[in-house]
Structure formats: C-alpha cells, structure tokens
ModelCIF file with pLDDT and N, C-alpha, C, O atoms, coordinates in Angstrom:
data_MODEL
#
_entry.id   MODEL 
#
_entity.id                         1 
_entity.type                       polymer 
_entity.pdbx_number_of_molecules   1 
#
_entity_poly.entity_id                      1 
_entity_poly.type                           'polypeptide(L)' 
_entity_poly.nstd_linkage                   no 
_entity_poly.nstd_monomer                   no 
_entity_poly.pdbx_seq_one_letter_code       
;(UNK)(UNK)(UNK)(UNK)(UNK)(UNK)(UNK)(UNK)(UNK)(UNK)(UNK)(UNK)(UNK)(UNK)(UNK)(UNK)
(UNK)(UNK)(UNK)(UNK)(UNK)(UNK)(UNK)(UNK)(UNK)(UNK)(UNK)(UNK)(UNK)(UNK)(UNK)(UNK)
(UNK)(UNK)(UNK)(UNK)(UNK)(UNK)(UNK)(UNK)(UNK)(UNK)(UNK)(UNK)(UNK)(UNK)(UNK)
;
_entity_poly.pdbx_seq_one_letter_code_can   XXXXXXXXXXXXXXXXXXXXXXXXXXXXXXXXXXXXXXXXXXXXXXX 
_entity_poly.pdbx_strand_id                 A 
#
loop_
_entity_poly_seq.entity_id 
_entity_poly_seq.num 
_entity_poly_seq.mon_id 
_entity_poly_seq.hetero 
1 1  UNK n 
1 2  UNK n 
1 3  UNK n 
1 4  UNK n 
1 5  UNK n 
1 6  UNK n 
1 7  UNK n 
1 8  UNK n 
1 9  UNK n 
1 10 UNK n 
1 11 UNK n 
1 12 UNK n 
1 13 UNK n 
1 14 UNK n 
1 15 UNK n 
1 16 UNK n 
1 17 UNK n 
1 18 UNK n 
1 19 UNK n 
1 20 UNK n 
1 21 UNK n 
1 22 UNK n 
1 23 UNK n 
1 24 UNK n 
1 25 UNK n 
1 26 UNK n 
1 27 UNK n 
1 28 UNK n 
1 29 UNK n 
1 30 UNK n 
1 31 UNK n 
1 32 UNK n 
1 33 UNK n 
1 34 UNK n 
1 35 UNK n 
1 36 UNK n 
1 37 UNK n 
1 38 UNK n 
1 39 UNK n 
1 40 UNK n 
1 41 UNK n 
1 42 UNK n 
1 43 UNK n 
1 44 UNK n 
1 45 UNK n 
1 46 UNK n 
1 47 UNK n 
#
_struct_asym.id          A 
_struct_asym.entity_id   1 
#
loop_
_ma_qa_metric.id 
_ma_qa_metric.mode 
_ma_qa_metric.name 
_ma_qa_metric.software_group_id 
_ma_qa_metric.type 
1 global pLDDT . pLDDT 
2 local  pLDDT . pLDDT 
#
_ma_qa_metric_global.metric_id      1 
_ma_qa_metric_global.metric_value   95.77 
_ma_qa_metric_global.model_id       1 
_ma_qa_metric_global.ordinal_id     1 
#
loop_
_ma_qa_metric_local.label_asym_id 
_ma_qa_metric_local.label_comp_id 
_ma_qa_metric_local.label_seq_id 
_ma_qa_metric_local.metric_id 
_ma_qa_metric_local.metric_value 
_ma_qa_metric_local.model_id 
_ma_qa_metric_local.ordinal_id 
A UNK 1  2 96.00 1 1  
A UNK 2  2 97.00 1 2  
A UNK 3  2 97.00 1 3  
A UNK 4  2 96.00 1 4  
A UNK 5  2 96.00 1 5  
A UNK 6  2 93.00 1 6  
A UNK 7  2 92.00 1 7  
A UNK 8  2 92.00 1 8  
A UNK 9  2 95.00 1 9  
A UNK 10 2 95.00 1 10 
A UNK 11 2 93.00 1 11 
A UNK 12 2 94.00 1 12 
A UNK 13 2 95.00 1 13 
A UNK 14 2 96.00 1 14 
A UNK 15 2 95.00 1 15 
A UNK 16 2 97.00 1 16 
A UNK 17 2 97.00 1 17 
A UNK 18 2 96.00 1 18 
A UNK 19 2 97.00 1 19 
A UNK 20 2 97.00 1 20 
A UNK 21 2 96.00 1 21 
A UNK 22 2 95.00 1 22 
A UNK 23 2 95.00 1 23 
A UNK 24 2 97.00 1 24 
A UNK 25 2 97.00 1 25 
A UNK 26 2 98.00 1 26 
A UNK 27 2 98.00 1 27 
A UNK 28 2 97.00 1 28 
A UNK 29 2 97.00 1 29 
A UNK 30 2 96.00 1 30 
A UNK 31 2 96.00 1 31 
A UNK 32 2 92.00 1 32 
A UNK 33 2 92.00 1 33 
A UNK 34 2 93.00 1 34 
A UNK 35 2 95.00 1 35 
A UNK 36 2 96.00 1 36 
A UNK 37 2 96.00 1 37 
A UNK 38 2 96.00 1 38 
A UNK 39 2 97.00 1 39 
A UNK 40 2 97.00 1 40 
A UNK 41 2 96.00 1 41 
A UNK 42 2 97.00 1 42 
A UNK 43 2 97.00 1 43 
A UNK 44 2 97.00 1 44 
A UNK 45 2 97.00 1 45 
A UNK 46 2 98.00 1 46 
A UNK 47 2 97.00 1 47 
#
loop_
_atom_site.group_PDB 
_atom_site.id 
_atom_site.type_symbol 
_atom_site.label_atom_id 
_atom_site.label_alt_id 
_atom_site.label_comp_id 
_atom_site.label_asym_id 
_atom_site.label_entity_id 
_atom_site.label_seq_id 
_atom_site.pdbx_PDB_ins_code 
_atom_site.Cartn_x 
_atom_site.Cartn_y 
_atom_site.Cartn_z 
_atom_site.occupancy 
_atom_site.B_iso_or_equiv 
_atom_site.pdbx_formal_charge 
_atom_site.auth_seq_id 
_atom_site.auth_comp_id 
_atom_site.auth_asym_id 
_atom_site.auth_atom_id 
_atom_site.pdbx_PDB_model_num 
ATOM 1   N N  . UNK A 1 1  ? 115.679 92.356  107.242 1.00 96.00 ? 1  UNK A N  1 
ATOM 2   C CA . UNK A 1 1  ? 115.239 91.935  105.908 1.00 96.00 ? 1  UNK A CA 1 
ATOM 3   C C  . UNK A 1 1  ? 114.532 93.158  105.256 1.00 96.00 ? 1  UNK A C  1 
ATOM 4   O O  . UNK A 1 1  ? 113.607 93.757  105.805 1.00 96.00 ? 1  UNK A O  1 
ATOM 5   N N  . UNK A 1 2  ? 115.034 93.469  104.068 1.00 97.00 ? 2  UNK A N  1 
ATOM 6   C CA . UNK A 1 2  ? 114.430 94.587  103.254 1.00 97.00 ? 2  UNK A CA 1 
ATOM 7   C C  . UNK A 1 2  ? 113.747 93.946  102.079 1.00 97.00 ? 2  UNK A C  1 
ATOM 8   O O  . UNK A 1 2  ? 114.267 92.990  101.504 1.00 97.00 ? 2  UNK A O  1 
ATOM 9   N N  . UNK A 1 3  ? 112.571 94.463  101.703 1.00 97.00 ? 3  UNK A N  1 
ATOM 10  C CA . UNK A 1 3  ? 111.805 93.985  100.595 1.00 97.00 ? 3  UNK A CA 1 
ATOM 11  C C  . UNK A 1 3  ? 111.482 95.077  99.613  1.00 97.00 ? 3  UNK A C  1 
ATOM 12  O O  . UNK A 1 3  ? 110.969 96.125  100.004 1.00 97.00 ? 3  UNK A O  1 
ATOM 13  N N  . UNK A 1 4  ? 111.771 94.860  98.342  1.00 96.00 ? 4  UNK A N  1 
ATOM 14  C CA . UNK A 1 4  ? 111.326 95.765  97.300  1.00 96.00 ? 4  UNK A CA 1 
ATOM 15  C C  . UNK A 1 4  ? 109.925 95.458  96.973  1.00 96.00 ? 4  UNK A C  1 
ATOM 16  O O  . UNK A 1 4  ? 109.650 94.414  96.381  1.00 96.00 ? 4  UNK A O  1 
ATOM 17  N N  . UNK A 1 5  ? 108.973 96.352  97.343  1.00 96.00 ? 5  UNK A N  1 
ATOM 18  C CA . UNK A 1 5  ? 107.545 96.045  97.137  1.00 96.00 ? 5  UNK A CA 1 
ATOM 19  C C  . UNK A 1 5  ? 107.097 96.320  95.691  1.00 96.00 ? 5  UNK A C  1 
ATOM 20  O O  . UNK A 1 5  ? 107.547 97.278  95.063  1.00 96.00 ? 5  UNK A O  1 
ATOM 21  N N  . UNK A 1 6  ? 106.204 95.463  95.177  1.00 93.00 ? 6  UNK A N  1 
ATOM 22  C CA . UNK A 1 6  ? 105.718 95.644  93.797  1.00 93.00 ? 6  UNK A CA 1 
ATOM 23  C C  . UNK A 1 6  ? 104.713 96.828  93.716  1.00 93.00 ? 6  UNK A C  1 
ATOM 24  O O  . UNK A 1 6  ? 104.335 97.411  94.732  1.00 93.00 ? 6  UNK A O  1 
ATOM 25  N N  . UNK A 1 7  ? 104.315 97.144  92.520  1.00 92.00 ? 7  UNK A N  1 
ATOM 26  C CA . UNK A 1 7  ? 103.301 98.190  92.339  1.00 92.00 ? 7  UNK A CA 1 
ATOM 27  C C  . UNK A 1 7  ? 102.010 97.842  93.037  1.00 92.00 ? 7  UNK A C  1 
ATOM 28  O O  . UNK A 1 7  ? 101.266 98.726  93.462  1.00 92.00 ? 7  UNK A O  1 
ATOM 29  N N  . UNK A 1 8  ? 101.747 96.582  93.155  1.00 92.00 ? 8  UNK A N  1 
ATOM 30  C CA . UNK A 1 8  ? 100.468 96.088  93.827  1.00 92.00 ? 8  UNK A CA 1 
ATOM 31  C C  . UNK A 1 8  ? 100.389 96.552  95.258  1.00 92.00 ? 8  UNK A C  1 
ATOM 32  O O  . UNK A 1 8  ? 99.291  96.636  95.807  1.00 92.00 ? 8  UNK A O  1 
ATOM 33  N N  . UNK A 1 9  ? 101.554 96.869  95.911  1.00 95.00 ? 9  UNK A N  1 
ATOM 34  C CA . UNK A 1 9  ? 101.490 97.249  97.295  1.00 95.00 ? 9  UNK A CA 1 
ATOM 35  C C  . UNK A 1 9  ? 100.777 98.567  97.496  1.00 95.00 ? 9  UNK A C  1 
ATOM 36  O O  . UNK A 1 9  ? 100.399 98.887  98.623  1.00 95.00 ? 9  UNK A O  1 
ATOM 37  N N  . UNK A 1 10 ? 100.578 99.354  96.428  1.00 95.00 ? 10 UNK A N  1 
ATOM 38  C CA . UNK A 1 10 ? 99.857  100.603 96.554  1.00 95.00 ? 10 UNK A CA 1 
ATOM 39  C C  . UNK A 1 10 ? 98.384  100.389 96.786  1.00 95.00 ? 10 UNK A C  1 
ATOM 40  O O  . UNK A 1 10 ? 97.732  101.222 97.417  1.00 95.00 ? 10 UNK A O  1 
ATOM 41  N N  . UNK A 1 11 ? 97.827  99.265  96.278  1.00 93.00 ? 11 UNK A N  1 
ATOM 42  C CA . UNK A 1 11 ? 96.399  99.080  96.350  1.00 93.00 ? 11 UNK A CA 1 
ATOM 43  C C  . UNK A 1 11 ? 95.993  97.741  96.959  1.00 93.00 ? 11 UNK A C  1 
ATOM 44  O O  . UNK A 1 11 ? 94.841  97.318  96.864  1.00 93.00 ? 11 UNK A O  1 
ATOM 45  N N  . UNK A 1 12 ? 96.995  97.071  97.604  1.00 94.00 ? 12 UNK A N  1 
ATOM 46  C CA . UNK A 1 12 ? 96.717  95.771  98.209  1.00 94.00 ? 12 UNK A CA 1 
ATOM 47  C C  . UNK A 1 12 ? 97.279  95.825  99.668  1.00 94.00 ? 12 UNK A C  1 
ATOM 48  O O  . UNK A 1 12 ? 98.378  95.335  99.926  1.00 94.00 ? 12 UNK A O  1 
ATOM 49  N N  . UNK A 1 13 ? 96.537  96.403  100.573 1.00 95.00 ? 13 UNK A N  1 
ATOM 50  C CA . UNK A 1 13 ? 97.061  96.476  101.975 1.00 95.00 ? 13 UNK A CA 1 
ATOM 51  C C  . UNK A 1 13 ? 97.285  95.162  102.610 1.00 95.00 ? 13 UNK A C  1 
ATOM 52  O O  . UNK A 1 13 ? 98.099  95.054  103.527 1.00 95.00 ? 13 UNK A O  1 
ATOM 53  N N  . UNK A 1 14 ? 96.574  94.111  102.150 1.00 96.00 ? 14 UNK A N  1 
ATOM 54  C CA . UNK A 1 14 ? 96.803  92.785  102.712 1.00 96.00 ? 14 UNK A CA 1 
ATOM 55  C C  . UNK A 1 14 ? 98.213  92.273  102.407 1.00 96.00 ? 14 UNK A C  1 
ATOM 56  O O  . UNK A 1 14 ? 98.841  91.643  103.258 1.00 96.00 ? 14 UNK A O  1 
ATOM 57  N N  . UNK A 1 15 ? 98.705  92.540  101.210 1.00 95.00 ? 15 UNK A N  1 
ATOM 58  C CA . UNK A 1 15 ? 100.047 92.092  100.813 1.00 95.00 ? 15 UNK A CA 1 
ATOM 59  C C  . UNK A 1 15 ? 101.084 92.762  101.700 1.00 95.00 ? 15 UNK A C  1 
ATOM 60  O O  . UNK A 1 15 ? 102.004 92.092  102.169 1.00 95.00 ? 15 UNK A O  1 
ATOM 61  N N  . UNK A 1 16 ? 100.968 94.057  101.944 1.00 97.00 ? 16 UNK A N  1 
ATOM 62  C CA . UNK A 1 16 ? 101.882 94.763  102.786 1.00 97.00 ? 16 UNK A CA 1 
ATOM 63  C C  . UNK A 1 16 ? 101.816 94.216  104.248 1.00 97.00 ? 16 UNK A C  1 
ATOM 64  O O  . UNK A 1 16 ? 102.844 94.041  104.903 1.00 97.00 ? 16 UNK A O  1 
ATOM 65  N N  . UNK A 1 17 ? 100.620 93.965  104.712 1.00 97.00 ? 17 UNK A N  1 
ATOM 66  C CA . UNK A 1 17 ? 100.461 93.456  106.049 1.00 97.00 ? 17 UNK A CA 1 
ATOM 67  C C  . UNK A 1 17 ? 101.097 92.079  106.221 1.00 97.00 ? 17 UNK A C  1 
ATOM 68  O O  . UNK A 1 17 ? 101.682 91.778  107.261 1.00 97.00 ? 17 UNK A O  1 
ATOM 69  N N  . UNK A 1 18 ? 100.973 91.234  105.167 1.00 96.00 ? 18 UNK A N  1 
ATOM 70  C CA . UNK A 1 18 ? 101.577 89.893  105.206 1.00 96.00 ? 18 UNK A CA 1 
ATOM 71  C C  . UNK A 1 18 ? 103.056 89.980  105.168 1.00 96.00 ? 18 UNK A C  1 
ATOM 72  O O  . UNK A 1 18 ? 103.715 89.123  105.757 1.00 96.00 ? 18 UNK A O  1 
ATOM 73  N N  . UNK A 1 19 ? 103.646 90.971  104.506 1.00 97.00 ? 19 UNK A N  1 
ATOM 74  C CA . UNK A 1 19 ? 105.108 91.129  104.426 1.00 97.00 ? 19 UNK A CA 1 
ATOM 75  C C  . UNK A 1 19 ? 105.630 91.566  105.837 1.00 97.00 ? 19 UNK A C  1 
ATOM 76  O O  . UNK A 1 19 ? 106.665 91.087  106.299 1.00 97.00 ? 19 UNK A O  1 
ATOM 77  N N  . UNK A 1 20 ? 104.892 92.471  106.489 1.00 97.00 ? 20 UNK A N  1 
ATOM 78  C CA . UNK A 1 20 ? 105.273 92.882  107.854 1.00 97.00 ? 20 UNK A CA 1 
ATOM 79  C C  . UNK A 1 20 ? 105.219 91.679  108.784 1.00 97.00 ? 20 UNK A C  1 
ATOM 80  O O  . UNK A 1 20 ? 106.141 91.420  109.557 1.00 97.00 ? 20 UNK A O  1 
ATOM 81  N N  . UNK A 1 21 ? 104.103 90.950  108.683 1.00 96.00 ? 21 UNK A N  1 
ATOM 82  C CA . UNK A 1 21 ? 103.926 89.784  109.566 1.00 96.00 ? 21 UNK A CA 1 
ATOM 83  C C  . UNK A 1 21 ? 105.088 88.767  109.312 1.00 96.00 ? 21 UNK A C  1 
ATOM 84  O O  . UNK A 1 21 ? 105.619 88.181  110.254 1.00 96.00 ? 21 UNK A O  1 
ATOM 85  N N  . UNK A 1 22 ? 105.454 88.582  108.056 1.00 95.00 ? 22 UNK A N  1 
ATOM 86  C CA . UNK A 1 22 ? 106.498 87.584  107.742 1.00 95.00 ? 22 UNK A CA 1 
ATOM 87  C C  . UNK A 1 22 ? 107.847 87.984  108.217 1.00 95.00 ? 22 UNK A C  1 
ATOM 88  O O  . UNK A 1 22 ? 108.712 87.118  108.351 1.00 95.00 ? 22 UNK A O  1 
ATOM 89  N N  . UNK A 1 23 ? 108.097 89.268  108.490 1.00 95.00 ? 23 UNK A N  1 
ATOM 90  C CA . UNK A 1 23 ? 109.391 89.703  109.004 1.00 95.00 ? 23 UNK A CA 1 
ATOM 91  C C  . UNK A 1 23 ? 110.081 90.803  108.224 1.00 95.00 ? 23 UNK A C  1 
ATOM 92  O O  . UNK A 1 23 ? 111.280 91.017  108.404 1.00 95.00 ? 23 UNK A O  1 
ATOM 93  N N  . UNK A 1 24 ? 109.368 91.504  107.368 1.00 97.00 ? 24 UNK A N  1 
ATOM 94  C CA . UNK A 1 24 ? 110.004 92.645  106.662 1.00 97.00 ? 24 UNK A CA 1 
ATOM 95  C C  . UNK A 1 24 ? 110.345 93.770  107.658 1.00 97.00 ? 24 UNK A C  1 
ATOM 96  O O  . UNK A 1 24 ? 109.485 94.270  108.384 1.00 97.00 ? 24 UNK A O  1 
ATOM 97  N N  . UNK A 1 25 ? 111.619 94.139  107.661 1.00 97.00 ? 25 UNK A N  1 
ATOM 98  C CA . UNK A 1 25 ? 112.111 95.209  108.550 1.00 97.00 ? 25 UNK A CA 1 
ATOM 99  C C  . UNK A 1 25 ? 112.186 96.581  107.864 1.00 97.00 ? 25 UNK A C  1 
ATOM 100 O O  . UNK A 1 25 ? 112.018 97.626  108.493 1.00 97.00 ? 25 UNK A O  1 
ATOM 101 N N  . UNK A 1 26 ? 112.440 96.534  106.574 1.00 98.00 ? 26 UNK A N  1 
ATOM 102 C CA . UNK A 1 26 ? 112.551 97.755  105.758 1.00 98.00 ? 26 UNK A CA 1 
ATOM 103 C C  . UNK A 1 26 ? 111.822 97.555  104.447 1.00 98.00 ? 26 UNK A C  1 
ATOM 104 O O  . UNK A 1 26 ? 112.057 96.581  103.733 1.00 98.00 ? 26 UNK A O  1 
ATOM 105 N N  . UNK A 1 27 ? 110.915 98.506  104.130 1.00 98.00 ? 27 UNK A N  1 
ATOM 106 C CA . UNK A 1 27 ? 110.220 98.462  102.850 1.00 98.00 ? 27 UNK A CA 1 
ATOM 107 C C  . UNK A 1 27 ? 110.941 99.350  101.850 1.00 98.00 ? 27 UNK A C  1 
ATOM 108 O O  . UNK A 1 27 ? 111.142 100.536 102.112 1.00 98.00 ? 27 UNK A O  1 
ATOM 109 N N  . UNK A 1 28 ? 111.330 98.799  100.716 1.00 97.00 ? 28 UNK A N  1 
ATOM 110 C CA . UNK A 1 28 ? 112.024 99.581  99.716  1.00 97.00 ? 28 UNK A CA 1 
ATOM 111 C C  . UNK A 1 28 ? 111.045 100.030 98.619  1.00 97.00 ? 28 UNK A C  1 
ATOM 112 O O  . UNK A 1 28 ? 110.375 99.197  98.008  1.00 97.00 ? 28 UNK A O  1 
ATOM 113 N N  . UNK A 1 29 ? 110.966 101.292 98.380  1.00 97.00 ? 29 UNK A N  1 
ATOM 114 C CA . UNK A 1 29 ? 110.146 101.821 97.268  1.00 97.00 ? 29 UNK A CA 1 
ATOM 115 C C  . UNK A 1 29 ? 111.071 102.216 96.186  1.00 97.00 ? 29 UNK A C  1 
ATOM 116 O O  . UNK A 1 29 ? 111.925 103.081 96.383  1.00 97.00 ? 29 UNK A O  1 
ATOM 117 N N  . UNK A 1 30 ? 110.935 101.616 95.050  1.00 96.00 ? 30 UNK A N  1 
ATOM 118 C CA . UNK A 1 30 ? 111.821 101.822 93.880  1.00 96.00 ? 30 UNK A CA 1 
ATOM 119 C C  . UNK A 1 30 ? 111.187 102.918 93.015  1.00 96.00 ? 30 UNK A C  1 
ATOM 120 O O  . UNK A 1 30 ? 110.146 102.747 92.381  1.00 96.00 ? 30 UNK A O  1 
ATOM 121 N N  . UNK A 1 31 ? 111.908 104.080 93.036  1.00 96.00 ? 31 UNK A N  1 
ATOM 122 C CA . UNK A 1 31 ? 111.356 105.249 92.341  1.00 96.00 ? 31 UNK A CA 1 
ATOM 123 C C  . UNK A 1 31 ? 111.526 105.161 90.820  1.00 96.00 ? 31 UNK A C  1 
ATOM 124 O O  . UNK A 1 31 ? 111.084 106.059 90.103  1.00 96.00 ? 31 UNK A O  1 
ATOM 125 N N  . UNK A 1 32 ? 112.169 104.075 90.308  1.00 92.00 ? 32 UNK A N  1 
ATOM 126 C CA . UNK A 1 32 ? 112.214 103.835 88.896  1.00 92.00 ? 32 UNK A CA 1 
ATOM 127 C C  . UNK A 1 32 ? 110.855 103.396 88.347  1.00 92.00 ? 32 UNK A C  1 
ATOM 128 O O  . UNK A 1 32 ? 110.649 103.382 87.134  1.00 92.00 ? 32 UNK A O  1 
ATOM 129 N N  . UNK A 1 33 ? 109.929 103.039 89.242  1.00 92.00 ? 33 UNK A N  1 
ATOM 130 C CA . UNK A 1 33 ? 108.610 102.553 88.883  1.00 92.00 ? 33 UNK A CA 1 
ATOM 131 C C  . UNK A 1 33 ? 107.540 103.347 89.625  1.00 92.00 ? 33 UNK A C  1 
ATOM 132 O O  . UNK A 1 33 ? 107.791 103.910 90.691  1.00 92.00 ? 33 UNK A O  1 
ATOM 133 N N  . UNK A 1 34 ? 106.360 103.382 89.050  1.00 93.00 ? 34 UNK A N  1 
ATOM 134 C CA . UNK A 1 34 ? 105.173 104.056 89.616  1.00 93.00 ? 34 UNK A CA 1 
ATOM 135 C C  . UNK A 1 34 ? 105.379 105.543 89.802  1.00 93.00 ? 34 UNK A C  1 
ATOM 136 O O  . UNK A 1 34 ? 106.201 106.146 89.111  1.00 93.00 ? 34 UNK A O  1 
ATOM 137 N N  . UNK A 1 35 ? 104.642 106.148 90.727  1.00 95.00 ? 35 UNK A N  1 
ATOM 138 C CA . UNK A 1 35 ? 104.722 107.641 90.856  1.00 95.00 ? 35 UNK A CA 1 
ATOM 139 C C  . UNK A 1 35 ? 104.440 107.991 92.328  1.00 95.00 ? 35 UNK A C  1 
ATOM 140 O O  . UNK A 1 35 ? 104.062 107.124 93.115  1.00 95.00 ? 35 UNK A O  1 
ATOM 141 N N  . UNK A 1 36 ? 104.632 109.295 92.697  1.00 96.00 ? 36 UNK A N  1 
ATOM 142 C CA . UNK A 1 36 ? 104.435 109.673 94.121  1.00 96.00 ? 36 UNK A CA 1 
ATOM 143 C C  . UNK A 1 36 ? 103.128 109.238 94.710  1.00 96.00 ? 36 UNK A C  1 
ATOM 144 O O  . UNK A 1 36 ? 103.083 108.779 95.851  1.00 96.00 ? 36 UNK A O  1 
ATOM 145 N N  . UNK A 1 37 ? 102.020 109.375 93.928  1.00 96.00 ? 37 UNK A N  1 
ATOM 146 C CA . UNK A 1 37 ? 100.719 108.982 94.413  1.00 96.00 ? 37 UNK A CA 1 
ATOM 147 C C  . UNK A 1 37 ? 100.680 107.477 94.842  1.00 96.00 ? 37 UNK A C  1 
ATOM 148 O O  . UNK A 1 37 ? 100.144 107.119 95.890  1.00 96.00 ? 37 UNK A O  1 
ATOM 149 N N  . UNK A 1 38 ? 101.251 106.664 94.010  1.00 96.00 ? 38 UNK A N  1 
ATOM 150 C CA . UNK A 1 38 ? 101.295 105.202 94.363  1.00 96.00 ? 38 UNK A CA 1 
ATOM 151 C C  . UNK A 1 38 ? 102.199 104.994 95.565  1.00 96.00 ? 38 UNK A C  1 
ATOM 152 O O  . UNK A 1 38 ? 101.875 104.231 96.475  1.00 96.00 ? 38 UNK A O  1 
ATOM 153 N N  . UNK A 1 39 ? 103.344 105.685 95.561  1.00 97.00 ? 39 UNK A N  1 
ATOM 154 C CA . UNK A 1 39 ? 104.296 105.482 96.710  1.00 97.00 ? 39 UNK A CA 1 
ATOM 155 C C  . UNK A 1 39 ? 103.622 105.908 98.027  1.00 97.00 ? 39 UNK A C  1 
ATOM 156 O O  . UNK A 1 39 ? 103.802 105.252 99.054  1.00 97.00 ? 39 UNK A O  1 
ATOM 157 N N  . UNK A 1 40 ? 102.867 106.974 97.999  1.00 97.00 ? 40 UNK A N  1 
ATOM 158 C CA . UNK A 1 40 ? 102.201 107.380 99.229  1.00 97.00 ? 40 UNK A CA 1 
ATOM 159 C C  . UNK A 1 40 ? 101.179 106.384 99.715  1.00 97.00 ? 40 UNK A C  1 
ATOM 160 O O  . UNK A 1 40 ? 101.003 106.193 100.919 1.00 97.00 ? 40 UNK A O  1 
ATOM 161 N N  . UNK A 1 41 ? 100.487 105.733 98.752  1.00 96.00 ? 41 UNK A N  1 
ATOM 162 C CA . UNK A 1 41 ? 99.532  104.673 99.186  1.00 96.00 ? 41 UNK A CA 1 
ATOM 163 C C  . UNK A 1 41 ? 100.288 103.472 99.759  1.00 96.00 ? 41 UNK A C  1 
ATOM 164 O O  . UNK A 1 41 ? 99.795  102.824 100.682 1.00 96.00 ? 41 UNK A O  1 
ATOM 165 N N  . UNK A 1 42 ? 101.469 103.168 99.233  1.00 97.00 ? 42 UNK A N  1 
ATOM 166 C CA . UNK A 1 42 ? 102.277 102.086 99.793  1.00 97.00 ? 42 UNK A CA 1 
ATOM 167 C C  . UNK A 1 42 ? 102.667 102.458 101.271 1.00 97.00 ? 42 UNK A C  1 
ATOM 168 O O  . UNK A 1 42 ? 102.619 101.622 102.173 1.00 97.00 ? 42 UNK A O  1 
ATOM 169 N N  . UNK A 1 43 ? 103.038 103.705 101.456 1.00 97.00 ? 43 UNK A N  1 
ATOM 170 C CA . UNK A 1 43 ? 103.380 104.160 102.829 1.00 97.00 ? 43 UNK A CA 1 
ATOM 171 C C  . UNK A 1 43 ? 102.199 104.045 103.776 1.00 97.00 ? 43 UNK A C  1 
ATOM 172 O O  . UNK A 1 43 ? 102.327 103.582 104.910 1.00 97.00 ? 43 UNK A O  1 
ATOM 173 N N  . UNK A 1 44 ? 101.033 104.485 103.278 1.00 97.00 ? 44 UNK A N  1 
ATOM 174 C CA . UNK A 1 44 ? 99.851  104.427 104.146 1.00 97.00 ? 44 UNK A CA 1 
ATOM 175 C C  . UNK A 1 44 ? 99.504  102.952 104.467 1.00 97.00 ? 44 UNK A C  1 
ATOM 176 O O  . UNK A 1 44 ? 99.090  102.661 105.589 1.00 97.00 ? 44 UNK A O  1 
ATOM 177 N N  . UNK A 1 45 ? 99.664  102.031 103.516 1.00 97.00 ? 45 UNK A N  1 
ATOM 178 C CA . UNK A 1 45 ? 99.379  100.650 103.812 1.00 97.00 ? 45 UNK A CA 1 
ATOM 179 C C  . UNK A 1 45 ? 100.355 100.074 104.765 1.00 97.00 ? 45 UNK A C  1 
ATOM 180 O O  . UNK A 1 45 ? 100.000 99.203  105.558 1.00 97.00 ? 45 UNK A O  1 
ATOM 181 N N  . UNK A 1 46 ? 101.586 100.526 104.723 1.00 98.00 ? 46 UNK A N  1 
ATOM 182 C CA . UNK A 1 46 ? 102.614 100.023 105.698 1.00 98.00 ? 46 UNK A CA 1 
ATOM 183 C C  . UNK A 1 46 ? 102.281 100.540 107.086 1.00 98.00 ? 46 UNK A C  1 
ATOM 184 O O  . UNK A 1 46 ? 102.263 99.765  108.043 1.00 98.00 ? 46 UNK A O  1 
ATOM 185 N N  . UNK A 1 47 ? 102.016 101.843 107.215 1.00 97.00 ? 47 UNK A N  1 
ATOM 186 C CA . UNK A 1 47 ? 101.693 102.410 108.564 1.00 97.00 ? 47 UNK A CA 1 
ATOM 187 C C  . UNK A 1 47 ? 100.498 101.711 109.189 1.00 97.00 ? 47 UNK A C  1 
ATOM 188 O O  . UNK A 1 47 ? 100.095 102.053 110.301 1.00 97.00 ? 47 UNK A O  1 
#
C-alpha cells in the first residue's frame, strides 16, 4: 500500500505514525506540492 501524504505530514508526526501503523508500505511525496524543506520533515517523521 502506497500513500500520497498531504502537506500536513511535514508538521504532524502523529499522522505519519498512524499511516505506518495502519499498513502504509510506501510513502509518496508529490513534488508538485510543498518544497524540499517540507519534504525533509516528512522523511524525518517517517523515520
């Protein structure tokens, strides 16, 4: 299961944690939205 995460995933670690708990196997970062700084925070929340 792949999930396109919203912009909120950059600043809401609980959302990312809940997605992983629910069964997300791949997190998709859509580069058509947000910026590298936000994407990096999404990555940090996932790790």
